[in-house]
Amino acid sequence: MKKDVSIIGVDLAKQVFQLHGATGTGEVVFRKELSRRRFEEFI
């Protein structure tokens, strides 16, 4: 079952971005750690 992401949190660091996606009720859909290059591709 696909869940809609309502909230995306981004933690900025020097080398990586940490992403956290959640539904409107706070249920976690994904957690990712991406390099700057991968972050651009993801967005």
PDB file of N, CA and C in Angstrom:
ATOM      1  N   MET A   1       0.839  -1.176   0.000  1.00  0.00           N
ATOM      2  CA  MET A   1       0.000   0.000   0.000  1.00  0.00           C
ATOM      3  C   MET A   1       0.882   1.237   0.000  1.00  0.00           C
ATOM      4  N   LYS A   2       0.612   2.146  -0.903  1.00  0.00           N
ATOM      5  CA  LYS A   2       1.359   3.395  -1.007  1.00  0.00           C
ATOM      6  C   LYS A   2       0.816   4.405  -0.006  1.00  0.00           C
ATOM      7  N   LYS A   3       1.725   5.082   0.688  1.00  0.00           N
ATOM      8  CA  LYS A   3       1.324   6.092   1.657  1.00  0.00           C
ATOM      9  C   LYS A   3       1.768   7.454   1.164  1.00  0.00           C
ATOM     10  N   ASP A   4       0.908   8.453   1.306  1.00  0.00           N
ATOM     11  CA  ASP A   4       1.230   9.803   0.872  1.00  0.00           C
ATOM     12  C   ASP A   4       2.102  10.500   1.901  1.00  0.00           C
ATOM     13  N   VAL A   5       3.160  11.127   1.430  1.00  0.00           N
ATOM     14  CA  VAL A   5       4.051  11.891   2.293  1.00  0.00           C
ATOM     15  C   VAL A   5       3.500  13.303   2.411  1.00  0.00           C
ATOM     16  N   SER A   6       3.245  13.743   3.637  1.00  0.00           N
ATOM     17  CA  SER A   6       2.740  15.088   3.888  1.00  0.00           C
ATOM     18  C   SER A   6       3.806  16.010   4.458  1.00  0.00           C
ATOM     19  N   ILE A   7       4.796  15.410   5.110  1.00  0.00           N
ATOM     20  CA  ILE A   7       5.829  16.183   5.798  1.00  0.00           C
ATOM     21  C   ILE A   7       7.193  15.649   5.383  1.00  0.00           C
ATOM     22  N   ILE A   8       8.099  16.548   4.997  1.00  0.00           N
ATOM     23  CA  ILE A   8       9.478  16.162   4.724  1.00  0.00           C
ATOM     24  C   ILE A   8      10.379  17.031   5.587  1.00  0.00           C
ATOM     25  N   GLY A   9      11.178  16.385   6.416  1.00  0.00           N
ATOM     26  CA  GLY A   9      12.155  17.093   7.240  1.00  0.00           C
ATOM     27  C   GLY A   9      13.533  16.908   6.632  1.00  0.00           C
ATOM     28  N   VAL A  10      14.331  17.968   6.622  1.00  0.00           N
ATOM     29  CA  VAL A  10      15.672  17.923   6.057  1.00  0.00           C
ATOM     30  C   VAL A  10      16.662  18.438   7.100  1.00  0.00           C
ATOM     31  N   ASP A  11      17.642  17.607   7.425  1.00  0.00           N
ATOM     32  CA  ASP A  11      18.713  17.996   8.328  1.00  0.00           C
ATOM     33  C   ASP A  11      19.937  18.284   7.468  1.00  0.00           C
ATOM     34  N   LEU A  12      20.402  19.514   7.505  1.00  0.00           N
ATOM     35  CA  LEU A  12      21.536  19.917   6.677  1.00  0.00           C
ATOM     36  C   LEU A  12      22.841  19.694   7.428  1.00  0.00           C
ATOM     37  N   ALA A  13      23.773  19.028   6.770  1.00  0.00           N
ATOM     38  CA  ALA A  13      25.102  18.818   7.330  1.00  0.00           C
ATOM     39  C   ALA A  13      26.123  19.205   6.259  1.00  0.00           C
ATOM     40  N   LYS A  14      27.386  19.116   6.582  1.00  0.00           N
ATOM     41  CA  LYS A  14      28.409  19.528   5.617  1.00  0.00           C
ATOM     42  C   LYS A  14      28.490  18.606   4.415  1.00  0.00           C
ATOM     43  N   GLN A  15      28.402  17.316   4.645  1.00  0.00           N
ATOM     44  CA  GLN A  15      28.601  16.360   3.561  1.00  0.00           C
ATOM     45  C   GLN A  15      27.329  15.667   3.085  1.00  0.00           C
ATOM     46  N   VAL A  16      26.309  15.581   3.942  1.00  0.00           N
ATOM     47  CA  VAL A  16      25.103  14.833   3.586  1.00  0.00           C
ATOM     48  C   VAL A  16      23.850  15.586   4.033  1.00  0.00           C
ATOM     49  N   PHE A  17      22.736  15.174   3.461  1.00  0.00           N
ATOM     50  CA  PHE A  17      21.420  15.631   3.881  1.00  0.00           C
ATOM     51  C   PHE A  17      20.700  14.418   4.453  1.00  0.00           C
ATOM     52  N   GLN A  18      20.088  14.565   5.608  1.00  0.00           N
ATOM     53  CA  GLN A  18      19.284  13.492   6.162  1.00  0.00           C
ATOM     54  C   GLN A  18      17.829  13.878   5.983  1.00  0.00           C
ATOM     55  N   LEU A  19      17.058  13.001   5.336  1.00  0.00           N
ATOM     56  CA  LEU A  19      15.656  13.264   5.024  1.00  0.00           C
ATOM     57  C   LEU A  19      14.755  12.344   5.826  1.00  0.00           C
ATOM     58  N   HIS A  20      13.606  12.865   6.201  1.00  0.00           N
ATOM     59  CA  HIS A  20      12.612  12.114   6.954  1.00  0.00           C
ATOM     60  C   HIS A  20      11.254  12.473   6.352  1.00  0.00           C
ATOM     61  N   GLY A  21      10.557  11.486   5.828  1.00  0.00           N
ATOM     62  CA  GLY A  21       9.228  11.704   5.265  1.00  0.00           C
ATOM     63  C   GLY A  21       8.172  11.037   6.115  1.00  0.00           C
ATOM     64  N   ALA A  22       7.051  11.733   6.340  1.00  0.00           N
ATOM     65  CA  ALA A  22       5.994  11.194   7.188  1.00  0.00           C
ATOM     66  C   ALA A  22       4.627  11.548   6.626  1.00  0.00           C
ATOM     67  N   THR A  23       3.633  10.799   7.040  1.00  0.00           N
ATOM     68  CA  THR A  23       2.247  11.091   6.674  1.00  0.00           C
ATOM     69  C   THR A  23       1.742  12.219   7.580  1.00  0.00           C
ATOM     70  N   GLY A  24       0.544  12.687   7.316  1.00  0.00           N
ATOM     71  CA  GLY A  24      -0.058  13.728   8.134  1.00  0.00           C
ATOM     72  C   GLY A  24      -0.273  13.316   9.578  1.00  0.00           C
ATOM     73  N   THR A  25      -0.348  12.015   9.831  1.00  0.00           N
ATOM     74  CA  THR A  25      -0.535  11.521  11.201  1.00  0.00           C
ATOM     75  C   THR A  25       0.788  11.237  11.902  1.00  0.00           C
ATOM     76  N   GLY A  26       1.903  11.450  11.203  1.00  0.00           N
ATOM     77  CA  GLY A  26       3.215  11.250  11.798  1.00  0.00           C
ATOM     78  C   GLY A  26       3.832   9.893  11.554  1.00  0.00           C
ATOM     79  N   GLU A  27       3.169   9.033  10.808  1.00  0.00           N
ATOM     80  CA  GLU A  27       3.712   7.708  10.500  1.00  0.00           C
ATOM     81  C   GLU A  27       4.878   7.854   9.521  1.00  0.00           C
ATOM     82  N   VAL A  28       6.022   7.262   9.853  1.00  0.00           N
ATOM     83  CA  VAL A  28       7.223   7.381   9.027  1.00  0.00           C
ATOM     84  C   VAL A  28       7.038   6.624   7.716  1.00  0.00           C
ATOM     85  N   VAL A  29       7.326   7.306   6.605  1.00  0.00           N
ATOM     86  CA  VAL A  29       7.263   6.680   5.280  1.00  0.00           C
ATOM     87  C   VAL A  29       8.673   6.352   4.800  1.00  0.00           C
ATOM     88  N   PHE A  30       9.625   7.251   5.037  1.00  0.00           N
ATOM     89  CA  PHE A  30      11.009   6.976   4.660  1.00  0.00           C
ATOM     90  C   PHE A  30      11.980   7.777   5.514  1.00  0.00           C
ATOM     91  N   ARG A  31      13.200   7.258   5.568  1.00  0.00           N
ATOM     92  CA  ARG A  31      14.356   7.947   6.154  1.00  0.00           C
ATOM     93  C   ARG A  31      15.516   7.685   5.211  1.00  0.00           C
ATOM     94  N   LYS A  32      16.189   8.746   4.812  1.00  0.00           N
ATOM     95  CA  LYS A  32      17.299   8.605   3.869  1.00  0.00           C
ATOM     96  C   LYS A  32      18.443   9.517   4.270  1.00  0.00           C
ATOM     97  N   GLU A  33      19.646   9.102   3.948  1.00  0.00           N
ATOM     98  CA  GLU A  33      20.823   9.942   4.068  1.00  0.00           C
ATOM     99  C   GLU A  33      21.407  10.057   2.670  1.00  0.00           C
ATOM    100  N   LEU A  34      21.471  11.273   2.146  1.00  0.00           N
ATOM    101  CA  LEU A  34      21.886  11.476   0.767  1.00  0.00           C
ATOM    102  C   LEU A  34      23.040  12.464   0.672  1.00  0.00           C
ATOM    103  N   SER A  35      23.927  12.224  -0.286  1.00  0.00           N
ATOM    104  CA  SER A  35      24.972  13.200  -0.583  1.00  0.00           C
ATOM    105  C   SER A  35      24.325  14.415  -1.235  1.00  0.00           C
ATOM    106  N   ARG A  36      25.074  15.487  -1.347  1.00  0.00           N
ATOM    107  CA  ARG A  36      24.523  16.694  -1.978  1.00  0.00           C
ATOM    108  C   ARG A  36      24.047  16.398  -3.406  1.00  0.00           C
ATOM    109  N   ARG A  37      24.822  15.641  -4.142  1.00  0.00           N
ATOM    110  CA  ARG A  37      24.452  15.304  -5.526  1.00  0.00           C
ATOM    111  C   ARG A  37      23.166  14.479  -5.566  1.00  0.00           C
ATOM    112  N   ARG A  38      23.067  13.466  -4.729  1.00  0.00           N
ATOM    113  CA  ARG A  38      21.864  12.609  -4.684  1.00  0.00           C
ATOM    114  C   ARG A  38      20.651  13.391  -4.213  1.00  0.00           C
ATOM    115  N   PHE A  39      20.871  14.355  -3.306  1.00  0.00           N
ATOM    116  CA  PHE A  39      19.776  15.182  -2.826  1.00  0.00           C
ATOM    117  C   PHE A  39      19.140  15.961  -3.979  1.00  0.00           C
ATOM    118  N   GLU A  40      19.976  16.549  -4.830  1.00  0.00           N
ATOM    119  CA  GLU A  40      19.471  17.275  -6.009  1.00  0.00           C
ATOM    120  C   GLU A  40      18.662  16.354  -6.902  1.00  0.00           C
ATOM    121  N   GLU A  41      19.129  15.138  -7.120  1.00  0.00           N
ATOM    122  CA  GLU A  41      18.415  14.178  -7.959  1.00  0.00           C
ATOM    123  C   GLU A  41      17.091  13.766  -7.312  1.00  0.00           C
ATOM    124  N   PHE A  42      17.103  13.591  -5.988  1.00  0.00           N
ATOM    125  CA  PHE A  42      15.903  13.169  -5.265  1.00  0.00           C
ATOM    126  C   PHE A  42      14.808  14.227  -5.341  1.00  0.00           C
ATOM    127  N   ILE A  43      15.199  15.483  -5.155  1.00  0.00           N
ATOM    128  CA  ILE A  43      14.235  16.580  -5.167  1.00  0.00           C
ATOM    129  C   ILE A  43      13.824  16.855  -6.590  1.00  0.00           C
TER     130      ILE A  43
END
